Protein backbone atom coordinates (compact mmCIF):
# COMPACT_ATOMS: atom_id res chain seq x y z
CA MET A 1 1.08 -92.02 65.80
CA LEU A 2 2.66 -88.65 66.60
CA ALA A 3 0.13 -86.63 64.59
CA GLU A 4 -2.79 -88.51 66.13
CA ALA A 5 -1.47 -88.03 69.67
CA ALA A 6 -0.80 -84.33 69.07
CA ALA A 7 -4.31 -83.81 67.67
CA ALA A 8 -5.87 -85.66 70.59
CA ALA A 9 -3.80 -83.46 72.93
CA GLY A 10 -5.44 -80.37 71.39
CA LYS A 11 -2.67 -79.35 69.00
CA TYR A 12 -3.10 -78.39 65.37
CA VAL A 13 -1.41 -80.92 63.11
CA GLN A 14 -0.51 -81.89 59.62
CA GLY A 15 0.96 -85.31 58.90
CA PHE A 16 2.06 -86.45 55.48
CA PRO A 17 4.58 -88.75 53.80
CA GLU A 18 6.77 -87.95 50.82
CA TYR A 19 7.39 -90.80 48.44
CA GLY A 20 9.68 -90.68 45.46
CA PRO A 21 10.08 -93.02 42.52
CA GLU A 22 12.50 -95.16 44.53
CA ARG A 23 12.32 -98.90 44.76
CA MET A 24 10.50 -100.67 47.58
CA GLY A 25 12.50 -100.50 50.81
CA ALA A 26 14.29 -97.29 49.83
CA PRO A 27 14.48 -94.43 52.34
CA MET A 28 11.37 -92.31 52.57
CA LEU A 29 10.38 -89.14 54.37
CA ALA A 30 7.38 -88.39 56.54
CA PHE A 31 6.53 -85.03 58.05
CA ASN A 32 4.45 -83.67 60.89
CA ARG A 33 3.70 -80.06 61.61
CA ILE A 34 2.49 -79.49 65.16
CA GLY A 35 1.43 -76.16 66.59
CA ASP A 36 -0.71 -74.36 69.11
CA GLU A 37 -2.21 -72.18 66.34
CA PRO A 38 -3.92 -73.25 63.10
CA ILE A 39 -1.44 -74.22 60.39
CA TYR A 40 -1.89 -72.50 57.05
CA VAL A 41 1.27 -73.76 55.35
CA TYR A 42 0.59 -76.52 52.81
CA SER A 43 4.00 -77.11 51.30
CA GLY A 44 6.79 -79.57 51.98
CA VAL A 45 9.03 -79.08 54.99
CA LYS A 46 12.30 -77.33 54.12
CA SER A 47 13.60 -76.46 57.61
CA PRO A 48 12.60 -79.18 60.09
CA ARG A 49 12.98 -78.26 63.76
CA VAL A 50 13.14 -81.96 64.64
CA VAL A 51 14.59 -84.81 62.57
CA ILE A 52 14.06 -88.46 63.52
CA VAL A 53 16.26 -91.11 61.89
CA LEU A 54 14.82 -94.61 62.28
CA ASP A 55 17.51 -96.25 60.15
CA PRO A 56 21.01 -95.26 61.34
CA THR A 57 22.60 -96.60 58.13
CA LEU A 58 21.28 -93.43 56.44
CA VAL A 59 23.73 -91.31 58.45
CA GLY A 60 26.56 -90.44 56.09
CA LYS A 61 24.70 -91.69 53.02
CA SER A 62 22.03 -89.02 53.02
CA ASP A 63 22.01 -85.47 54.37
CA VAL A 64 19.55 -86.12 57.18
CA THR A 65 20.30 -82.72 58.72
CA ALA A 66 19.43 -80.67 55.61
CA GLY A 67 17.64 -77.50 56.68
CA LEU A 68 18.02 -78.20 60.41
CA PRO A 69 18.25 -74.87 62.26
CA ASP A 70 20.95 -74.23 64.86
CA ASP A 71 18.48 -74.96 67.68
CA GLY A 72 17.04 -78.05 65.95
CA VAL A 73 16.89 -81.56 67.39
CA ILE A 74 18.04 -84.76 65.72
CA LEU A 75 17.06 -88.09 67.26
CA ILE A 76 18.72 -91.23 65.93
CA ASN A 77 17.88 -94.90 66.51
CA THR A 78 21.32 -96.21 67.44
CA ALA A 79 23.28 -97.69 70.32
CA ARG A 80 26.06 -95.15 69.63
CA GLU A 81 26.61 -92.08 71.80
CA PRO A 82 25.34 -88.65 70.70
CA ALA A 83 28.88 -87.22 70.38
CA GLU A 84 29.87 -90.02 68.00
CA MET A 85 26.77 -89.43 65.89
CA ARG A 86 27.47 -85.68 65.81
CA ALA A 87 30.88 -86.48 64.34
CA ARG A 88 29.39 -88.90 61.81
CA LEU A 89 26.83 -86.26 60.82
CA LYS A 90 29.64 -83.70 60.50
CA LEU A 91 27.64 -81.26 62.60
CA PRO A 92 29.76 -78.44 64.00
CA PRO A 93 29.52 -77.63 67.72
CA GLY A 94 26.48 -75.50 68.47
CA LYS A 95 24.54 -76.77 65.43
CA GLY A 96 21.55 -78.74 66.65
CA LYS A 97 21.13 -81.03 69.62
CA VAL A 98 21.88 -84.70 69.01
CA PHE A 99 20.02 -87.46 70.85
CA THR A 100 20.35 -91.22 70.50
CA VAL A 101 18.34 -94.18 71.74
CA ASP A 102 18.64 -97.87 70.88
CA ALA A 103 15.00 -98.13 69.86
CA SER A 104 15.62 -101.31 67.87
CA ARG A 105 16.91 -103.09 70.97
CA ILE A 106 14.06 -101.72 73.08
CA SER A 107 11.47 -102.90 70.55
CA LEU A 108 13.08 -106.35 70.35
CA ASP A 109 13.02 -106.57 74.16
CA THR A 110 9.45 -105.34 74.59
CA LEU A 111 7.67 -106.23 71.34
CA GLY A 112 9.74 -109.16 70.14
CA ARG A 113 10.28 -107.46 66.75
CA ASP A 114 12.45 -104.66 65.40
CA ILE A 115 9.76 -101.98 65.20
CA PRO A 116 11.54 -98.88 66.56
CA ASN A 117 8.69 -96.39 65.99
CA THR A 118 7.10 -96.78 69.41
CA PRO A 119 10.21 -96.35 71.58
CA MET A 120 11.31 -93.48 69.31
CA MET A 121 8.12 -91.63 70.23
CA GLY A 122 8.97 -91.90 73.91
CA ALA A 123 12.50 -90.65 73.21
CA LEU A 124 11.08 -87.80 71.13
CA MET A 125 8.91 -86.61 74.01
CA ARG A 126 12.03 -86.23 76.15
CA ALA A 127 14.31 -84.84 73.42
CA ALA A 128 11.94 -82.30 71.87
CA GLY A 129 9.08 -81.92 74.36
CA LEU A 130 6.46 -81.43 71.65
CA ILE A 131 3.71 -82.71 73.92
CA ALA A 132 3.80 -83.22 77.69
CA TYR A 133 5.05 -86.78 78.24
CA GLU A 134 2.23 -87.95 80.53
CA GLN A 135 -0.37 -86.49 78.18
CA PHE A 136 1.29 -88.19 75.18
CA LEU A 137 1.44 -91.48 77.07
CA GLN A 138 -2.24 -91.32 78.06
CA VAL A 139 -3.46 -90.42 74.56
CA THR A 140 -1.26 -93.05 72.91
CA GLU A 141 -2.35 -95.74 75.35
CA GLU A 142 -5.99 -94.95 74.53
CA GLN A 143 -5.22 -95.18 70.81
CA LEU A 144 -3.44 -98.50 71.31
CA HIS A 145 -6.39 -99.88 73.31
CA HIS A 146 -8.64 -98.96 70.38
CA LYS A 147 -6.28 -100.45 67.79
CA PHE A 148 -5.52 -103.65 69.71
CA ARG A 149 -8.92 -104.19 71.38
CA ASN A 150 -8.44 -107.90 71.92
CA ARG A 151 -4.69 -107.81 72.53
CA PRO A 152 -3.99 -106.11 75.89
CA GLU A 153 -0.50 -107.65 75.93
CA LEU A 154 0.36 -105.59 72.80
CA VAL A 155 -0.89 -102.42 74.46
CA ASP A 156 1.22 -103.13 77.54
CA ALA A 157 4.30 -103.96 75.43
CA ASN A 158 3.98 -100.76 73.39
CA VAL A 159 3.51 -98.61 76.50
CA LYS A 160 6.58 -100.26 78.02
CA ALA A 161 8.52 -99.50 74.82
CA ILE A 162 7.47 -95.83 74.96
CA ARG A 163 8.48 -95.57 78.62
CA ARG A 164 11.87 -97.18 77.96
CA GLY A 165 12.48 -94.88 74.99
CA TYR A 166 11.76 -91.88 77.21
CA GLU A 167 14.00 -93.17 80.00
CA GLU A 168 16.90 -94.41 77.87
CA VAL A 169 17.36 -91.58 75.38
CA ARG A 170 20.76 -89.87 75.64
CA GLY A 171 21.58 -86.31 74.63
CA GLU A 172 24.64 -84.13 74.47
């Protein structure tokens, strides 16, 4: 969704997953490169400027901040406060900016299912500002209308989830 919205907003993008030999349901990685200039790098991402953690149980079990620069952003789907998550991540002061949003609760409230991706995108627009929020919202709403042609209630619910993610994200 992010790569498609960024491309529609006129950005250059790359979007790709990274799967390992793990069992079904194991943690996986997905990457997006977004820029105002053409992207000529075709390797994996070693130093992400933004890290999004959909599953908060990974914090402490996996080094989700590996390669994060000092000015990087980490956004976590959790009801916990950013300062608590910083401590759980063992991030020293001044290393990265930590943001949290209870995207699972938002998606349950708006979509009726625990699908945190949509509210996380709204939170990401506030936390990292990769694309202007109103532009992201417009492009994403158009994509949702195309995807759910005969289900306007799903479009409305997803837009509401994005808005709530944007409004409810907390940062240090």
